Amino acid sequence: MLLGTITGNVVSTKKIEKLTGCKFMRVKIESSKQELIAVDAVGAGIGETVLVTTGHNASYAANVKDLPVDAVIVGIVD
């Protein structure tokens, strides 16, 4: 689990049909200078601090088990 801040959104004009309706966000990870693209499962907005899960279990968090999803926003930090 990673802690990060949403820096923007990503618009994809073409994607796998099962990902239609999924929102992609740019997340800057707090513990490094790394940025990644994550599927937003909780409705977070730009500037919010979020929890991101990565790896194999991320696809289960986004409920897209058969698709290549590697990072998912699973929580908003108050």
Protein backbone atom coordinates (compact mmCIF):
# COMPACT_ATOMS: atom_id res chain seq x y z
CA MET A 1 0.00 0.00 0.00
CA LEU A 2 1.35 3.41 -0.99
CA LEU A 3 0.49 6.94 0.11
CA GLY A 4 0.27 9.55 -2.63
CA THR A 5 -1.28 12.78 -3.87
CA ILE A 6 -3.40 13.05 -7.00
CA THR A 7 -1.77 15.46 -9.45
CA GLY A 8 -4.13 15.11 -12.41
CA ASN A 9 -6.31 12.87 -14.48
CA VAL A 10 -5.59 10.90 -17.64
CA VAL A 11 -7.98 10.74 -20.58
CA SER A 12 -7.88 7.61 -22.69
CA THR A 13 -9.73 7.74 -26.00
CA LYS A 14 -9.27 4.01 -26.60
CA LYS A 15 -9.20 1.33 -23.93
CA ILE A 16 -10.28 -2.21 -23.22
CA GLU A 17 -14.08 -2.32 -23.26
CA LYS A 18 -14.30 -3.63 -19.67
CA LEU A 19 -12.43 -0.52 -18.47
CA THR A 20 -15.03 1.83 -19.95
CA GLY A 21 -16.28 4.03 -17.13
CA CYS A 22 -13.08 3.67 -15.08
CA LYS A 23 -11.36 6.94 -14.20
CA PHE A 24 -7.56 7.07 -14.49
CA MET A 25 -5.61 9.44 -12.18
CA ARG A 26 -1.94 10.53 -11.95
CA VAL A 27 -0.62 9.90 -8.44
CA LYS A 28 2.67 11.23 -7.02
CA ILE A 29 3.95 8.78 -4.43
CA GLU A 30 4.95 10.52 -1.17
CA SER A 31 7.98 8.38 -0.28
CA SER A 32 9.66 8.82 -3.69
CA LYS A 33 9.66 10.99 -6.79
CA GLN A 34 7.72 8.28 -8.64
CA GLU A 35 4.42 9.03 -10.37
CA LEU A 36 2.03 6.38 -11.55
CA ILE A 37 -1.34 6.02 -13.24
CA ALA A 38 -4.01 4.36 -11.10
CA VAL A 39 -7.63 3.38 -11.59
CA ASP A 40 -9.80 5.43 -9.23
CA ALA A 41 -12.15 3.10 -7.35
CA VAL A 42 -13.30 5.67 -4.74
CA GLY A 43 -14.00 8.94 -6.59
CA ALA A 44 -10.96 10.92 -5.46
CA GLY A 45 -10.13 14.37 -6.83
CA ILE A 46 -7.05 16.37 -7.74
CA GLY A 47 -5.01 17.43 -4.70
CA GLU A 48 -6.36 14.73 -2.38
CA THR A 49 -4.09 12.37 -0.47
CA VAL A 50 -4.93 8.76 -1.32
CA LEU A 51 -4.00 5.15 -0.59
CA VAL A 52 -2.92 3.13 -3.61
CA THR A 53 -2.56 -0.63 -3.85
CA THR A 54 -0.33 -2.10 -6.53
CA GLY A 55 0.56 -5.43 -8.03
CA HIS A 56 -1.54 -8.53 -8.54
CA ASN A 57 -4.17 -7.66 -5.92
CA ALA A 58 -4.91 -4.28 -7.53
CA SER A 59 -7.07 -5.92 -10.18
CA TYR A 60 -9.25 -7.43 -7.45
CA ALA A 61 -9.67 -4.03 -5.77
CA ALA A 62 -10.92 -2.52 -9.05
CA ASN A 63 -13.17 -5.53 -9.70
CA VAL A 64 -11.48 -6.16 -13.06
CA LYS A 65 -9.86 -9.53 -12.31
CA ASP A 66 -9.05 -10.46 -15.92
CA LEU A 67 -7.54 -7.13 -16.99
CA PRO A 68 -3.99 -5.72 -16.74
CA VAL A 69 -4.56 -3.23 -13.90
CA ASP A 70 -1.45 -2.64 -11.78
CA ALA A 71 -2.47 0.26 -9.49
CA VAL A 72 -5.80 1.18 -7.88
CA ILE A 73 -6.81 4.03 -5.58
CA VAL A 74 -8.57 2.32 -2.67
CA GLY A 75 -8.94 5.10 -0.11
CA ILE A 76 -8.95 8.85 0.52
CA VAL A 77 -6.98 10.09 3.55
CA ASP A 78 -8.77 12.68 5.70
